[in-house]
Amino acid sequence: MLRLATDQNFNHDIIRGLLRHLPHLDVRSVQDAELSQAEDPSVLEWAASEGRILLTHDRSTMPDYAYERIGSGHRMPGVFVVSDRIAVGAAIDDLHILVTCSRDDEWEGRVGYVPLR
């Protein structure tokens, strides 16, 4: 099962719903790591050091920083950009599929988008 991280503004209702379906899901937030005020590159560095795919709603800057990190030859376990315009239940369903059907290394160096449809 994938290991996840959430950035500062990620909707925690989505995480709570995901944990109801997957109680053993390994997910940490930047708040857990005391990085609430960290800039995007630092958040990506932390997620990479933890081997976690980052969940974010930030489609304006986070993908660019992720690709910049990849271009610099740094490890980037992956980013899932979750639209903040879809229903919480739809986000939970799509993330459930991604978490349970993906291999640990499948998203290395990639940015994925939710909704999947």
N, C-alpha and C. Protein backbone atom coordinates (compact mmCIF):
# COMPACT_ATOMS: atom_id res chain seq x y z
N MET A 1 0.84 -1.18 0.00
CA MET A 1 0.00 0.00 0.00
C MET A 1 0.89 1.24 0.00
N LEU A 2 0.49 2.24 -0.75
CA LEU A 2 1.27 3.46 -0.85
C LEU A 2 1.32 4.19 0.49
N ARG A 3 2.44 4.88 0.71
CA ARG A 3 2.58 5.77 1.87
C ARG A 3 2.33 7.18 1.39
N LEU A 4 1.52 7.93 2.13
CA LEU A 4 1.09 9.25 1.69
C LEU A 4 1.51 10.34 2.65
N ALA A 5 1.57 11.55 2.10
CA ALA A 5 1.79 12.77 2.88
C ALA A 5 0.79 13.79 2.37
N THR A 6 0.38 14.71 3.24
CA THR A 6 -0.51 15.78 2.82
C THR A 6 0.16 17.12 3.07
N ASP A 7 -0.08 18.07 2.18
CA ASP A 7 0.46 19.40 2.41
C ASP A 7 -0.48 20.19 3.33
N GLN A 8 -0.14 21.41 3.58
CA GLN A 8 -0.79 22.23 4.60
C GLN A 8 -2.29 22.38 4.40
N ASN A 9 -2.73 22.59 3.19
CA ASN A 9 -4.14 22.91 2.95
C ASN A 9 -4.98 21.75 2.46
N PHE A 10 -4.45 20.53 2.56
CA PHE A 10 -5.21 19.39 2.04
C PHE A 10 -6.45 19.14 2.90
N ASN A 11 -7.56 18.83 2.26
CA ASN A 11 -8.84 18.61 2.93
C ASN A 11 -8.78 17.35 3.79
N HIS A 12 -8.83 17.53 5.09
CA HIS A 12 -8.70 16.40 6.00
C HIS A 12 -9.95 15.54 6.05
N ASP A 13 -11.09 16.03 5.52
CA ASP A 13 -12.27 15.17 5.39
C ASP A 13 -11.97 14.03 4.42
N ILE A 14 -11.18 14.31 3.40
CA ILE A 14 -10.79 13.26 2.45
C ILE A 14 -9.94 12.21 3.16
N ILE A 15 -9.01 12.64 3.97
CA ILE A 15 -8.15 11.69 4.69
C ILE A 15 -8.97 10.87 5.68
N ARG A 16 -9.86 11.52 6.41
CA ARG A 16 -10.71 10.78 7.37
C ARG A 16 -11.53 9.72 6.65
N GLY A 17 -12.11 10.06 5.51
CA GLY A 17 -12.89 9.10 4.74
C GLY A 17 -12.03 7.97 4.21
N LEU A 18 -10.84 8.29 3.75
CA LEU A 18 -9.92 7.27 3.25
C LEU A 18 -9.52 6.32 4.38
N LEU A 19 -9.29 6.88 5.55
CA LEU A 19 -8.92 6.03 6.70
C LEU A 19 -10.06 5.15 7.17
N ARG A 20 -11.30 5.55 6.93
CA ARG A 20 -12.43 4.66 7.25
C ARG A 20 -12.40 3.42 6.38
N HIS A 21 -12.00 3.60 5.12
CA HIS A 21 -11.92 2.46 4.19
C HIS A 21 -10.62 1.68 4.37
N LEU A 22 -9.55 2.38 4.71
CA LEU A 22 -8.22 1.78 4.82
C LEU A 22 -7.61 2.16 6.17
N PRO A 23 -8.04 1.53 7.25
CA PRO A 23 -7.59 1.95 8.58
C PRO A 23 -6.08 1.82 8.80
N HIS A 24 -5.40 1.01 8.00
CA HIS A 24 -3.96 0.83 8.17
C HIS A 24 -3.14 1.73 7.22
N LEU A 25 -3.82 2.65 6.56
CA LEU A 25 -3.14 3.56 5.64
C LEU A 25 -2.08 4.37 6.39
N ASP A 26 -0.91 4.46 5.81
CA ASP A 26 0.20 5.21 6.40
C ASP A 26 0.20 6.60 5.76
N VAL A 27 -0.32 7.58 6.50
CA VAL A 27 -0.41 8.94 6.00
C VAL A 27 0.02 9.91 7.09
N ARG A 28 0.84 10.89 6.69
CA ARG A 28 1.31 11.94 7.60
C ARG A 28 1.08 13.29 6.94
N SER A 29 0.86 14.28 7.76
CA SER A 29 0.67 15.64 7.25
C SER A 29 1.90 16.49 7.55
N VAL A 30 2.02 17.59 6.85
CA VAL A 30 3.12 18.50 7.14
C VAL A 30 3.00 19.02 8.57
N GLN A 31 1.78 19.11 9.08
CA GLN A 31 1.58 19.53 10.45
C GLN A 31 2.22 18.52 11.42
N ASP A 32 2.08 17.22 11.11
CA ASP A 32 2.71 16.17 11.94
C ASP A 32 4.22 16.35 11.99
N ALA A 33 4.79 16.80 10.88
CA ALA A 33 6.24 16.96 10.77
C ALA A 33 6.70 18.37 11.15
N GLU A 34 5.77 19.16 11.66
CA GLU A 34 6.07 20.54 12.06
C GLU A 34 6.63 21.37 10.90
N LEU A 35 6.02 21.18 9.72
CA LEU A 35 6.42 21.91 8.52
C LEU A 35 5.26 22.73 7.96
N SER A 36 4.36 23.16 8.82
CA SER A 36 3.15 23.86 8.36
C SER A 36 3.44 25.08 7.51
N GLN A 37 4.49 25.79 7.81
CA GLN A 37 4.79 27.02 7.08
C GLN A 37 5.85 26.83 6.00
N ALA A 38 6.22 25.59 5.73
CA ALA A 38 7.29 25.31 4.77
C ALA A 38 6.86 25.63 3.34
N GLU A 39 7.82 26.04 2.54
CA GLU A 39 7.60 26.29 1.11
C GLU A 39 7.48 24.94 0.38
N ASP A 40 6.88 24.97 -0.81
CA ASP A 40 6.65 23.75 -1.59
C ASP A 40 7.89 22.89 -1.78
N PRO A 41 9.04 23.46 -2.16
CA PRO A 41 10.22 22.60 -2.33
C PRO A 41 10.61 21.86 -1.05
N SER A 42 10.45 22.49 0.09
CA SER A 42 10.76 21.84 1.37
C SER A 42 9.77 20.73 1.68
N VAL A 43 8.52 20.94 1.33
CA VAL A 43 7.50 19.91 1.53
C VAL A 43 7.81 18.70 0.65
N LEU A 44 8.18 18.95 -0.59
CA LEU A 44 8.55 17.85 -1.49
C LEU A 44 9.79 17.11 -1.00
N GLU A 45 10.76 17.84 -0.47
CA GLU A 45 11.97 17.22 0.09
C GLU A 45 11.61 16.32 1.27
N TRP A 46 10.76 16.81 2.16
CA TRP A 46 10.32 16.01 3.30
C TRP A 46 9.59 14.75 2.84
N ALA A 47 8.64 14.89 1.90
CA ALA A 47 7.89 13.73 1.40
C ALA A 47 8.85 12.71 0.78
N ALA A 48 9.82 13.19 0.02
CA ALA A 48 10.80 12.28 -0.60
C ALA A 48 11.64 11.58 0.45
N SER A 49 12.07 12.32 1.47
CA SER A 49 12.90 11.70 2.51
C SER A 49 12.13 10.64 3.28
N GLU A 50 10.81 10.77 3.32
CA GLU A 50 9.94 9.82 4.01
C GLU A 50 9.45 8.72 3.06
N GLY A 51 9.73 8.87 1.76
CA GLY A 51 9.24 7.90 0.78
C GLY A 51 7.73 7.93 0.62
N ARG A 52 7.16 9.14 0.66
CA ARG A 52 5.71 9.31 0.61
C ARG A 52 5.28 10.07 -0.64
N ILE A 53 4.14 9.67 -1.19
CA ILE A 53 3.52 10.41 -2.27
C ILE A 53 2.76 11.57 -1.65
N LEU A 54 2.95 12.76 -2.19
CA LEU A 54 2.32 13.95 -1.64
C LEU A 54 0.93 14.16 -2.23
N LEU A 55 -0.05 14.39 -1.36
CA LEU A 55 -1.39 14.78 -1.76
C LEU A 55 -1.51 16.29 -1.61
N THR A 56 -2.01 16.94 -2.64
CA THR A 56 -2.13 18.40 -2.62
C THR A 56 -3.34 18.82 -3.44
N HIS A 57 -3.87 19.99 -3.13
CA HIS A 57 -4.89 20.62 -3.98
C HIS A 57 -4.23 21.71 -4.83
N ASP A 58 -2.98 21.98 -4.61
CA ASP A 58 -2.24 23.08 -5.24
C ASP A 58 -1.79 22.70 -6.65
N ARG A 59 -2.65 22.99 -7.62
CA ARG A 59 -2.30 22.67 -9.01
C ARG A 59 -1.54 23.80 -9.68
N SER A 60 -1.44 24.95 -9.00
CA SER A 60 -0.79 26.10 -9.64
C SER A 60 0.73 26.08 -9.48
N THR A 61 1.25 25.62 -8.35
CA THR A 61 2.71 25.64 -8.17
C THR A 61 3.34 24.28 -7.86
N MET A 62 2.62 23.40 -7.16
CA MET A 62 3.24 22.15 -6.72
C MET A 62 3.72 21.27 -7.88
N PRO A 63 2.93 21.09 -8.96
CA PRO A 63 3.45 20.28 -10.07
C PRO A 63 4.74 20.83 -10.66
N ASP A 64 4.85 22.16 -10.79
CA ASP A 64 6.06 22.76 -11.33
C ASP A 64 7.27 22.46 -10.44
N TYR A 65 7.09 22.60 -9.13
CA TYR A 65 8.18 22.29 -8.21
C TYR A 65 8.53 20.81 -8.25
N ALA A 66 7.53 19.96 -8.41
CA ALA A 66 7.79 18.52 -8.50
C ALA A 66 8.63 18.21 -9.74
N TYR A 67 8.24 18.78 -10.88
CA TYR A 67 9.00 18.52 -12.11
C TYR A 67 10.39 19.15 -12.05
N GLU A 68 10.50 20.28 -11.39
CA GLU A 68 11.82 20.90 -11.19
C GLU A 68 12.72 19.97 -10.37
N ARG A 69 12.14 19.37 -9.35
CA ARG A 69 12.88 18.43 -8.51
C ARG A 69 13.36 17.23 -9.33
N ILE A 70 12.47 16.70 -10.16
CA ILE A 70 12.82 15.56 -11.01
C ILE A 70 13.93 15.96 -11.98
N GLY A 71 13.78 17.14 -12.58
CA GLY A 71 14.78 17.62 -13.54
C GLY A 71 16.15 17.83 -12.93
N SER A 72 16.17 18.09 -11.64
CA SER A 72 17.45 18.26 -10.93
C SER A 72 18.06 16.95 -10.48
N GLY A 73 17.38 15.86 -10.80
CA GLY A 73 17.90 14.55 -10.45
C GLY A 73 17.61 14.10 -9.03
N HIS A 74 16.70 14.79 -8.35
CA HIS A 74 16.35 14.41 -6.99
C HIS A 74 15.18 13.43 -6.99
N ARG A 75 15.15 12.61 -5.97
CA ARG A 75 14.06 11.63 -5.82
C ARG A 75 12.75 12.37 -5.59
N MET A 76 11.68 11.84 -6.20
CA MET A 76 10.35 12.40 -6.03
C MET A 76 9.36 11.24 -6.14
N PRO A 77 8.91 10.69 -4.98
CA PRO A 77 8.05 9.51 -4.99
C PRO A 77 6.72 9.69 -5.71
N GLY A 78 6.32 10.92 -5.95
CA GLY A 78 5.09 11.18 -6.68
C GLY A 78 4.27 12.25 -6.00
N VAL A 79 3.36 12.82 -6.79
CA VAL A 79 2.42 13.82 -6.30
C VAL A 79 1.06 13.49 -6.91
N PHE A 80 0.02 13.51 -6.07
CA PHE A 80 -1.35 13.43 -6.56
C PHE A 80 -1.99 14.79 -6.33
N VAL A 81 -2.33 15.46 -7.42
CA VAL A 81 -3.01 16.75 -7.35
C VAL A 81 -4.51 16.45 -7.37
N VAL A 82 -5.16 16.68 -6.24
CA VAL A 82 -6.57 16.37 -6.08
C VAL A 82 -7.37 17.65 -6.27
N SER A 83 -8.23 17.66 -7.26
CA SER A 83 -9.04 18.84 -7.52
C SER A 83 -9.87 19.18 -6.28
N ASP A 84 -9.94 20.46 -5.98
CA ASP A 84 -10.79 20.89 -4.86
C ASP A 84 -12.21 21.17 -5.34
N ARG A 85 -12.49 20.82 -6.58
CA ARG A 85 -13.82 21.05 -7.16
C ARG A 85 -14.65 19.78 -7.23
N ILE A 86 -14.08 18.64 -6.85
CA ILE A 86 -14.86 17.41 -6.89
C ILE A 86 -15.39 17.10 -5.48
N ALA A 87 -16.42 16.29 -5.44
CA ALA A 87 -17.01 15.90 -4.16
C ALA A 87 -16.00 15.11 -3.34
N VAL A 88 -16.07 15.27 -2.04
CA VAL A 88 -15.17 14.57 -1.13
C VAL A 88 -15.26 13.06 -1.37
N GLY A 89 -16.47 12.54 -1.52
CA GLY A 89 -16.65 11.09 -1.75
C GLY A 89 -15.97 10.62 -3.02
N ALA A 90 -16.02 11.41 -4.07
CA ALA A 90 -15.36 11.04 -5.33
C ALA A 90 -13.85 11.04 -5.15
N ALA A 91 -13.33 12.02 -4.42
CA ALA A 91 -11.88 12.06 -4.15
C ALA A 91 -11.45 10.84 -3.35
N ILE A 92 -12.24 10.49 -2.34
CA ILE A 92 -11.94 9.30 -1.53
C ILE A 92 -11.92 8.06 -2.40
N ASP A 93 -12.94 7.89 -3.25
CA ASP A 93 -13.01 6.71 -4.12
C ASP A 93 -11.80 6.61 -5.04
N ASP A 94 -11.44 7.72 -5.66
CA ASP A 94 -10.30 7.69 -6.60
C ASP A 94 -8.98 7.43 -5.86
N LEU A 95 -8.80 8.06 -4.71
CA LEU A 95 -7.57 7.82 -3.95
C LEU A 95 -7.52 6.39 -3.43
N HIS A 96 -8.66 5.84 -3.06
CA HIS A 96 -8.72 4.44 -2.63
C HIS A 96 -8.20 3.53 -3.74
N ILE A 97 -8.65 3.78 -4.95
CA ILE A 97 -8.17 3.00 -6.11
C ILE A 97 -6.67 3.17 -6.29
N LEU A 98 -6.19 4.41 -6.27
CA LEU A 98 -4.76 4.66 -6.47
C LEU A 98 -3.91 3.99 -5.38
N VAL A 99 -4.34 4.10 -4.14
CA VAL A 99 -3.56 3.57 -3.02
C VAL A 99 -3.52 2.04 -3.04
N THR A 100 -4.63 1.41 -3.35
CA THR A 100 -4.69 -0.05 -3.27
C THR A 100 -4.26 -0.76 -4.55
N CYS A 101 -4.29 -0.05 -5.66
CA CYS A 101 -3.97 -0.71 -6.94
C CYS A 101 -2.62 -0.32 -7.53
N SER A 102 -1.89 0.54 -6.85
CA SER A 102 -0.58 0.98 -7.36
C SER A 102 0.54 0.27 -6.63
N ARG A 103 1.62 0.03 -7.35
CA ARG A 103 2.85 -0.48 -6.72
C ARG A 103 3.55 0.67 -6.01
N ASP A 104 4.40 0.35 -5.06
CA ASP A 104 5.11 1.36 -4.28
C ASP A 104 5.92 2.33 -5.15
N ASP A 105 6.52 1.82 -6.23
CA ASP A 105 7.40 2.66 -7.05
C ASP A 105 6.74 3.19 -8.33
N GLU A 106 5.48 2.89 -8.51
CA GLU A 106 4.80 3.22 -9.77
C GLU A 106 4.70 4.71 -10.04
N TRP A 107 4.64 5.54 -9.01
CA TRP A 107 4.45 6.98 -9.19
C TRP A 107 5.76 7.77 -9.05
N GLU A 108 6.87 7.07 -8.89
CA GLU A 108 8.17 7.73 -8.78
C GLU A 108 8.38 8.66 -9.98
N GLY A 109 8.64 9.93 -9.69
CA GLY A 109 8.91 10.90 -10.75
C GLY A 109 7.70 11.31 -11.56
N ARG A 110 6.51 11.09 -11.01
CA ARG A 110 5.29 11.40 -11.77
C ARG A 110 4.33 12.26 -10.95
N VAL A 111 3.51 13.01 -11.68
CA VAL A 111 2.43 13.78 -11.07
C VAL A 111 1.13 13.20 -11.64
N GLY A 112 0.23 12.79 -10.75
CA GLY A 112 -1.07 12.28 -11.15
C GLY A 112 -2.16 13.24 -10.73
N TYR A 113 -3.29 13.14 -11.39
CA TYR A 113 -4.40 14.06 -11.12
C TYR A 113 -5.66 13.30 -10.76
N VAL A 114 -6.38 13.83 -9.77
CA VAL A 114 -7.67 13.31 -9.35
C VAL A 114 -8.67 14.43 -9.55
N PRO A 115 -9.79 14.18 -10.27
CA PRO A 115 -10.39 12.88 -10.51
C PRO A 115 -9.70 12.12 -11.64
N LEU A 116 -9.82 10.81 -11.55
CA LEU A 116 -9.22 9.93 -12.55
C LEU A 116 -10.00 9.94 -13.85
N ARG A 117 -11.26 10.26 -13.80
CA ARG A 117 -12.14 10.20 -14.99
C ARG A 117 -11.99 11.42 -15.85
